PDB file of N, CA and C in Angstrom:
ATOM      1  N   MET A   1     -49.267 -68.027 -96.744  1.00  0.00           N
ATOM      2  CA  MET A   1     -49.260 -66.177 -97.411  1.00  0.00           C
ATOM      3  C   MET A   1     -49.889 -65.444 -96.560  1.00  0.00           C
ATOM      4  N   GLU A   2     -51.311 -66.151 -95.754  1.00  0.00           N
ATOM      5  CA  GLU A   2     -52.293 -65.597 -95.921  1.00  0.00           C
ATOM      6  C   GLU A   2     -52.002 -64.339 -94.723  1.00  0.00           C
ATOM      7  N   ARG A   3     -51.059 -65.646 -94.034  1.00  0.00           N
ATOM      8  CA  ARG A   3     -50.949 -65.729 -92.247  1.00  0.00           C
ATOM      9  C   ARG A   3     -49.766 -64.617 -92.674  1.00  0.00           C
ATOM     10  N   VAL A   4     -49.113 -64.455 -93.348  1.00  0.00           N
ATOM     11  CA  VAL A   4     -48.312 -63.329 -93.848  1.00  0.00           C
ATOM     12  C   VAL A   4     -48.640 -61.786 -93.586  1.00  0.00           C
ATOM     13  N   ARG A   5     -49.603 -61.953 -94.482  1.00  0.00           N
ATOM     14  CA  ARG A   5     -50.361 -60.538 -94.910  1.00  0.00           C
ATOM     15  C   ARG A   5     -51.118 -59.940 -93.941  1.00  0.00           C
ATOM     16  N   TYR A   6     -51.499 -61.209 -92.752  1.00  0.00           N
ATOM     17  CA  TYR A   6     -52.502 -60.720 -91.788  1.00  0.00           C
ATOM     18  C   TYR A   6     -51.280 -60.065 -90.634  1.00  0.00           C
ATOM     19  N   VAL A   7     -50.159 -60.135 -90.609  1.00  0.00           N
ATOM     20  CA  VAL A   7     -49.228 -60.101 -89.468  1.00  0.00           C
ATOM     21  C   VAL A   7     -48.319 -58.870 -90.138  1.00  0.00           C
ATOM     22  N   VAL A   8     -48.374 -58.655 -91.251  1.00  0.00           N
ATOM     23  CA  VAL A   8     -47.622 -56.947 -91.782  1.00  0.00           C
ATOM     24  C   VAL A   8     -48.719 -56.200 -91.465  1.00  0.00           C
ATOM     25  N   SER A   9     -49.900 -56.936 -92.086  1.00  0.00           N
ATOM     26  CA  SER A   9     -51.088 -55.857 -92.068  1.00  0.00           C
ATOM     27  C   SER A   9     -51.402 -55.109 -90.200  1.00  0.00           C
ATOM     28  N   PHE A  10     -51.026 -56.545 -89.235  1.00  0.00           N
ATOM     29  CA  PHE A  10     -50.703 -55.834 -88.081  1.00  0.00           C
ATOM     30  C   PHE A  10     -50.203 -55.365 -87.619  1.00  0.00           C
ATOM     31  N   LEU A  11     -48.359 -55.661 -88.302  1.00  0.00           N
ATOM     32  CA  LEU A  11     -47.499 -54.752 -87.686  1.00  0.00           C
ATOM     33  C   LEU A  11     -47.514 -53.121 -88.073  1.00  0.00           C
ATOM     34  N   VAL A  12     -48.249 -52.793 -90.007  1.00  0.00           N
ATOM     35  CA  VAL A  12     -48.238 -51.437 -89.989  1.00  0.00           C
ATOM     36  C   VAL A  12     -49.391 -50.536 -89.521  1.00  0.00           C
ATOM     37  N   GLY A  13     -50.189 -51.592 -89.135  1.00  0.00           N
ATOM     38  CA  GLY A  13     -51.265 -50.514 -87.977  1.00  0.00           C
ATOM     39  C   GLY A  13     -50.882 -50.661 -86.919  1.00  0.00           C
ATOM     40  N   LEU A  14     -49.932 -50.781 -86.075  1.00  0.00           N
ATOM     41  CA  LEU A  14     -49.198 -50.599 -85.018  1.00  0.00           C
ATOM     42  C   LEU A  14     -48.511 -49.495 -84.908  1.00  0.00           C
ATOM     43  N   ALA A  15     -47.860 -49.524 -86.096  1.00  0.00           N
ATOM     44  CA  ALA A  15     -46.761 -48.311 -86.620  1.00  0.00           C
ATOM     45  C   ALA A  15     -47.572 -47.105 -86.594  1.00  0.00           C
ATOM     46  N   ILE A  16     -48.647 -47.165 -87.448  1.00  0.00           N
ATOM     47  CA  ILE A  16     -49.408 -45.929 -87.289  1.00  0.00           C
ATOM     48  C   ILE A  16     -50.331 -45.612 -86.763  1.00  0.00           C
ATOM     49  N   ILE A  17     -50.401 -46.256 -85.542  1.00  0.00           N
ATOM     50  CA  ILE A  17     -50.554 -46.112 -84.008  1.00  0.00           C
ATOM     51  C   ILE A  17     -49.946 -45.810 -83.513  1.00  0.00           C
ATOM     52  N   GLY A  18     -48.430 -46.002 -83.409  1.00  0.00           N
ATOM     53  CA  GLY A  18     -47.733 -45.598 -82.724  1.00  0.00           C
ATOM     54  C   GLY A  18     -47.024 -43.975 -83.113  1.00  0.00           C
ATOM     55  N   ALA A  19     -47.017 -44.038 -84.427  1.00  0.00           N
ATOM     56  CA  ALA A  19     -46.557 -42.911 -84.711  1.00  0.00           C
ATOM     57  C   ALA A  19     -47.444 -41.761 -84.572  1.00  0.00           C
ATOM     58  N   GLY A  20     -49.372 -42.049 -84.254  1.00  0.00           N
ATOM     59  CA  GLY A  20     -50.068 -40.542 -84.014  1.00  0.00           C
ATOM     60  C   GLY A  20     -49.757 -40.463 -82.732  1.00  0.00           C
ATOM     61  N   LEU A  21     -49.656 -41.542 -81.728  1.00  0.00           N
ATOM     62  CA  LEU A  21     -49.356 -41.767 -80.260  1.00  0.00           C
ATOM     63  C   LEU A  21     -48.167 -40.551 -79.856  1.00  0.00           C
ATOM     64  N   TRP A  22     -46.777 -41.103 -81.031  1.00  0.00           N
ATOM     65  CA  TRP A  22     -45.929 -40.426 -80.632  1.00  0.00           C
ATOM     66  C   TRP A  22     -45.595 -38.624 -81.026  1.00  0.00           C
ATOM     67  N   ALA A  23     -46.610 -38.308 -82.306  1.00  0.00           N
ATOM     68  CA  ALA A  23     -46.567 -37.660 -82.398  1.00  0.00           C
ATOM     69  C   ALA A  23     -47.277 -36.767 -81.614  1.00  0.00           C
ATOM     70  N   GLY A  24     -48.631 -37.060 -80.572  1.00  0.00           N
ATOM     71  CA  GLY A  24     -49.497 -36.086 -80.264  1.00  0.00           C
ATOM     72  C   GLY A  24     -48.976 -35.768 -78.952  1.00  0.00           C
ATOM     73  N   VAL A  25     -47.930 -36.750 -78.523  1.00  0.00           N
ATOM     74  CA  VAL A  25     -46.958 -36.769 -77.015  1.00  0.00           C
ATOM     75  C   VAL A  25     -46.490 -35.170 -76.942  1.00  0.00           C
ATOM     76  N   ARG A  26     -45.647 -34.884 -78.644  1.00  0.00           N
ATOM     77  CA  ARG A  26     -44.512 -34.401 -78.730  1.00  0.00           C
ATOM     78  C   ARG A  26     -45.282 -32.996 -79.383  1.00  0.00           C
ATOM     79  N   ASP A  27     -46.804 -33.092 -79.964  1.00  0.00           N
ATOM     80  CA  ASP A  27     -47.359 -32.028 -79.652  1.00  0.00           C
ATOM     81  C   ASP A  27     -46.658 -31.531 -81.248  1.00  0.00           C
ATOM     82  N   LEU A  28     -46.789 -32.645 -82.270  1.00  0.00           N
ATOM     83  CA  LEU A  28     -46.517 -32.298 -83.551  1.00  0.00           C
ATOM     84  C   LEU A  28     -47.614 -31.809 -84.313  1.00  0.00           C
ATOM     85  N   LEU A  29     -48.881 -32.651 -83.790  1.00  0.00           N
ATOM     86  CA  LEU A  29     -50.054 -32.852 -84.666  1.00  0.00           C
ATOM     87  C   LEU A  29     -51.243 -32.377 -84.130  1.00  0.00           C
ATOM     88  N   ALA A  30     -52.409 -31.742 -84.731  1.00  0.00           N
ATOM     89  CA  ALA A  30     -53.171 -31.440 -83.662  1.00  0.00           C
ATOM     90  C   ALA A  30     -54.213 -32.522 -83.021  1.00  0.00           C
ATOM     91  N   PRO A  31     -54.720 -32.494 -81.857  1.00  0.00           N
ATOM     92  CA  PRO A  31     -55.749 -33.793 -81.876  1.00  0.00           C
ATOM     93  C   PRO A  31     -56.666 -34.595 -82.332  1.00  0.00           C
ATOM     94  N   TRP A  32     -57.000 -33.767 -83.135  1.00  0.00           N
ATOM     95  CA  TRP A  32     -57.827 -34.453 -84.170  1.00  0.00           C
ATOM     96  C   TRP A  32     -57.253 -35.225 -84.981  1.00  0.00           C
ATOM     97  N   ALA A  33     -55.849 -34.660 -86.046  1.00  0.00           N
ATOM     98  CA  ALA A  33     -55.305 -35.264 -86.654  1.00  0.00           C
ATOM     99  C   ALA A  33     -54.534 -36.934 -85.594  1.00  0.00           C
ATOM    100  N   VAL A  34     -54.186 -36.553 -84.683  1.00  0.00           N
ATOM    101  CA  VAL A  34     -53.996 -38.099 -84.006  1.00  0.00           C
ATOM    102  C   VAL A  34     -55.030 -39.082 -83.509  1.00  0.00           C
ATOM    103  N   VAL A  35     -56.351 -38.461 -83.632  1.00  0.00           N
ATOM    104  CA  VAL A  35     -57.263 -39.378 -83.515  1.00  0.00           C
ATOM    105  C   VAL A  35     -57.700 -40.230 -84.844  1.00  0.00           C
ATOM    106  N   VAL A  36     -57.296 -39.191 -86.037  1.00  0.00           N
ATOM    107  CA  VAL A  36     -57.436 -40.069 -87.372  1.00  0.00           C
ATOM    108  C   VAL A  36     -56.421 -41.252 -87.528  1.00  0.00           C
ATOM    109  N   LEU A  37     -55.272 -41.011 -87.139  1.00  0.00           N
ATOM    110  CA  LEU A  37     -53.936 -41.726 -87.016  1.00  0.00           C
ATOM    111  C   LEU A  37     -53.986 -43.173 -86.642  1.00  0.00           C
ATOM    112  N   VAL A  38     -55.102 -42.670 -85.132  1.00  0.00           N
ATOM    113  CA  VAL A  38     -55.134 -44.086 -83.884  1.00  0.00           C
ATOM    114  C   VAL A  38     -56.375 -44.922 -85.148  1.00  0.00           C
ATOM    115  N   VAL A  39     -57.520 -44.513 -85.429  1.00  0.00           N
ATOM    116  CA  VAL A  39     -58.618 -44.652 -86.174  1.00  0.00           C
ATOM    117  C   VAL A  39     -58.174 -45.220 -87.307  1.00  0.00           C
ATOM    118  N   LEU A  40     -56.846 -44.814 -88.020  1.00  0.00           N
ATOM    119  CA  LEU A  40     -56.699 -45.481 -89.603  1.00  0.00           C
ATOM    120  C   LEU A  40     -55.387 -47.048 -88.981  1.00  0.00           C
ATOM    121  N   GLY A  41     -54.932 -46.350 -88.024  1.00  0.00           N
ATOM    122  CA  GLY A  41     -53.782 -47.709 -87.811  1.00  0.00           C
ATOM    123  C   GLY A  41     -55.031 -48.821 -86.867  1.00  0.00           C
ATOM    124  N   LEU A  42     -56.113 -48.259 -86.560  1.00  0.00           N
ATOM    125  CA  LEU A  42     -57.003 -49.388 -85.901  1.00  0.00           C
ATOM    126  C   LEU A  42     -57.666 -50.544 -87.171  1.00  0.00           C
ATOM    127  N   SER A  43     -58.425 -50.022 -88.098  1.00  0.00           N
ATOM    128  CA  SER A  43     -58.391 -50.161 -89.282  1.00  0.00           C
ATOM    129  C   SER A  43     -57.208 -51.030 -90.158  1.00  0.00           C
ATOM    130  N   VAL A  44     -56.708 -50.576 -90.013  1.00  0.00           N
ATOM    131  CA  VAL A  44     -55.341 -51.616 -91.020  1.00  0.00           C
ATOM    132  C   VAL A  44     -54.997 -52.853 -90.278  1.00  0.00           C
ATOM    133  N   ALA A  45     -54.945 -52.889 -88.835  1.00  0.00           N
ATOM    134  CA  ALA A  45     -54.426 -53.947 -87.801  1.00  0.00           C
ATOM    135  C   ALA A  45     -55.859 -54.461 -87.284  1.00  0.00           C
ATOM    136  N   PHE A  46     -56.833 -54.395 -87.287  1.00  0.00           N
ATOM    137  CA  PHE A  46     -58.057 -54.943 -87.216  1.00  0.00           C
ATOM    138  C   PHE A  46     -59.264 -55.029 -88.313  1.00  0.00           C
ATOM    139  N   PRO A  47     -58.565 -55.539 -89.454  1.00  0.00           N
ATOM    140  CA  PRO A  47     -59.660 -55.265 -90.291  1.00  0.00           C
ATOM    141  C   PRO A  47     -61.563 -55.510 -90.794  1.00  0.00           C
ATOM    142  N   ALA A  48     -61.136 -56.540 -90.062  1.00  0.00           N
ATOM    143  CA  ALA A  48     -62.678 -57.579 -89.822  1.00  0.00           C
ATOM    144  C   ALA A  48     -63.407 -56.804 -89.117  1.00  0.00           C
ATOM    145  N   ARG A  49     -62.343 -56.746 -87.950  1.00  0.00           N
ATOM    146  CA  ARG A  49     -63.671 -56.336 -86.558  1.00  0.00           C
ATOM    147  C   ARG A  49     -63.825 -54.361 -86.714  1.00  0.00           C
ATOM    148  N   PHE A  50     -62.884 -53.806 -87.796  1.00  0.00           N
ATOM    149  CA  PHE A  50     -63.214 -52.503 -88.041  1.00  0.00           C
ATOM    150  C   PHE A  50     -64.517 -52.527 -88.831  1.00  0.00           C
ATOM    151  N   ARG A  51     -64.225 -53.177 -89.803  1.00  0.00           N
ATOM    152  CA  ARG A  51     -65.536 -53.620 -91.146  1.00  0.00           C
ATOM    153  C   ARG A  51     -67.087 -54.013 -89.853  1.00  0.00           C
ATOM    154  N   ALA A  52     -67.149 -54.418 -89.080  1.00  0.00           N
ATOM    155  CA  ALA A  52     -67.919 -54.911 -88.350  1.00  0.00           C
ATOM    156  C   ALA A  52     -68.756 -53.706 -87.347  1.00  0.00           C
ATOM    157  N   LEU A  53     -67.606 -53.104 -86.786  1.00  0.00           N
ATOM    158  CA  LEU A  53     -67.961 -52.119 -85.864  1.00  0.00           C
ATOM    159  C   LEU A  53     -68.576 -50.831 -87.097  1.00  0.00           C
ATOM    160  N   PHE A  54     -67.682 -50.939 -88.003  1.00  0.00           N
ATOM    161  CA  PHE A  54     -68.335 -49.467 -88.739  1.00  0.00           C
ATOM    162  C   PHE A  54     -70.206 -50.241 -89.160  1.00  0.00           C
ATOM    163  N   LYS A  55     -70.183 -51.479 -90.056  1.00  0.00           N
ATOM    164  CA  LYS A  55     -71.484 -51.384 -90.252  1.00  0.00           C
ATOM    165  C   LYS A  55     -72.760 -51.371 -89.166  1.00  0.00           C
ATOM    166  N   LEU A  56     -71.910 -51.400 -88.020  1.00  0.00           N
ATOM    167  CA  LEU A  56     -72.916 -51.260 -86.672  1.00  0.00           C
ATOM    168  C   LEU A  56     -73.237 -49.966 -86.462  1.00  0.00           C
ATOM    169  N   VAL A  57     -72.136 -48.966 -86.705  1.00  0.00           N
ATOM    170  CA  VAL A  57     -72.331 -47.799 -86.755  1.00  0.00           C
ATOM    171  C   VAL A  57     -73.291 -47.370 -87.335  1.00  0.00           C
ATOM    172  N   ARG A  58     -73.584 -47.696 -88.930  1.00  0.00           N
ATOM    173  CA  ARG A  58     -73.711 -47.416 -90.132  1.00  0.00           C
ATOM    174  C   ARG A  58     -75.361 -47.270 -89.849  1.00  0.00           C
ATOM    175  N   ASP A  59     -75.541 -48.857 -89.011  1.00  0.00           N
ATOM    176  CA  ASP A  59     -76.720 -48.945 -89.498  1.00  0.00           C
ATOM    177  C   ASP A  59     -77.764 -48.256 -88.659  1.00  0.00           C
ATOM    178  N   LYS A  60     -76.842 -48.051 -87.378  1.00  0.00           N
ATOM    179  CA  LYS A  60     -77.364 -46.884 -86.344  1.00  0.00           C
ATOM    180  C   LYS A  60     -78.015 -45.456 -86.786  1.00  0.00           C
ATOM    181  N   ILE A  61     -77.358 -45.383 -87.756  1.00  0.00           N
ATOM    182  CA  ILE A  61     -77.499 -44.246 -88.343  1.00  0.00           C
ATOM    183  C   ILE A  61     -78.767 -44.039 -89.207  1.00  0.00           C
ATOM    184  N   PRO A  62     -79.959 -42.923 -89.290  1.00  0.00           N
ATOM    185  CA  PRO A  62     -80.951 -43.547 -90.375  1.00  0.00           C
ATOM    186  C   PRO A  62     -80.427 -42.338 -91.530  1.00  0.00           C
ATOM    187  N   ALA A  63     -81.150 -42.852 -92.696  1.00  0.00           N
ATOM    188  CA  ALA A  63     -80.358 -42.530 -94.139  1.00  0.00           C
ATOM    189  C   ALA A  63     -81.272 -41.379 -94.522  1.00  0.00           C
ATOM    190  N   PRO A  64     -80.644 -40.669 -94.844  1.00  0.00           N
ATOM    191  CA  PRO A  64     -81.179 -39.204 -95.273  1.00  0.00           C
ATOM    192  C   PRO A  64     -82.568 -39.497 -96.318  1.00  0.00           C
ATOM    193  N   ARG A  65     -83.627 -38.565 -96.055  1.00  0.00           N
ATOM    194  CA  ARG A  65     -85.046 -38.852 -96.842  1.00  0.00           C
ATOM    195  C   ARG A  65     -84.458 -38.412 -97.729  1.00  0.00           C
ATOM    196  N   LEU A  66     -85.402 -38.514 -99.330  1.00  0.00           N
ATOM    197  CA  LEU A  66     -84.797 -37.626-100.303  1.00  0.00           C
ATOM    198  C   LEU A  66     -85.960 -37.089-100.819  1.00  0.00           C
ATOM    199  N   GLY A  67     -86.321 -35.535-101.061  1.00  0.00           N
ATOM    200  CA  GLY A  67     -87.699 -35.458-101.636  1.00  0.00           C
ATOM    201  C   GLY A  67     -88.641 -35.031-100.222  1.00  0.00           C
ATOM    202  N   ARG A  68     -89.697 -35.332 -99.946  1.00  0.00           N
ATOM    203  CA  ARG A  68     -90.492 -34.659 -99.227  1.00  0.00           C
ATOM    204  C   ARG A  68     -91.473 -36.361 -98.518  1.00  0.00           C
TER     205      ARG A  68
END
């Protein structure tokens, strides 16, 4: 059952990426919206790798300092 979930997630992610790229080629969406759809598709298709990448980027950004 777990394998089916991963396969479905991967296929849905690819569909989102494909829809974003198709809309970008057809000039139906703004370029920023295409980037958002592709990133969303990657996060759905590869959730574990995307979480690891997000954690890596988050750790590189310094936390805001509250107060003085």
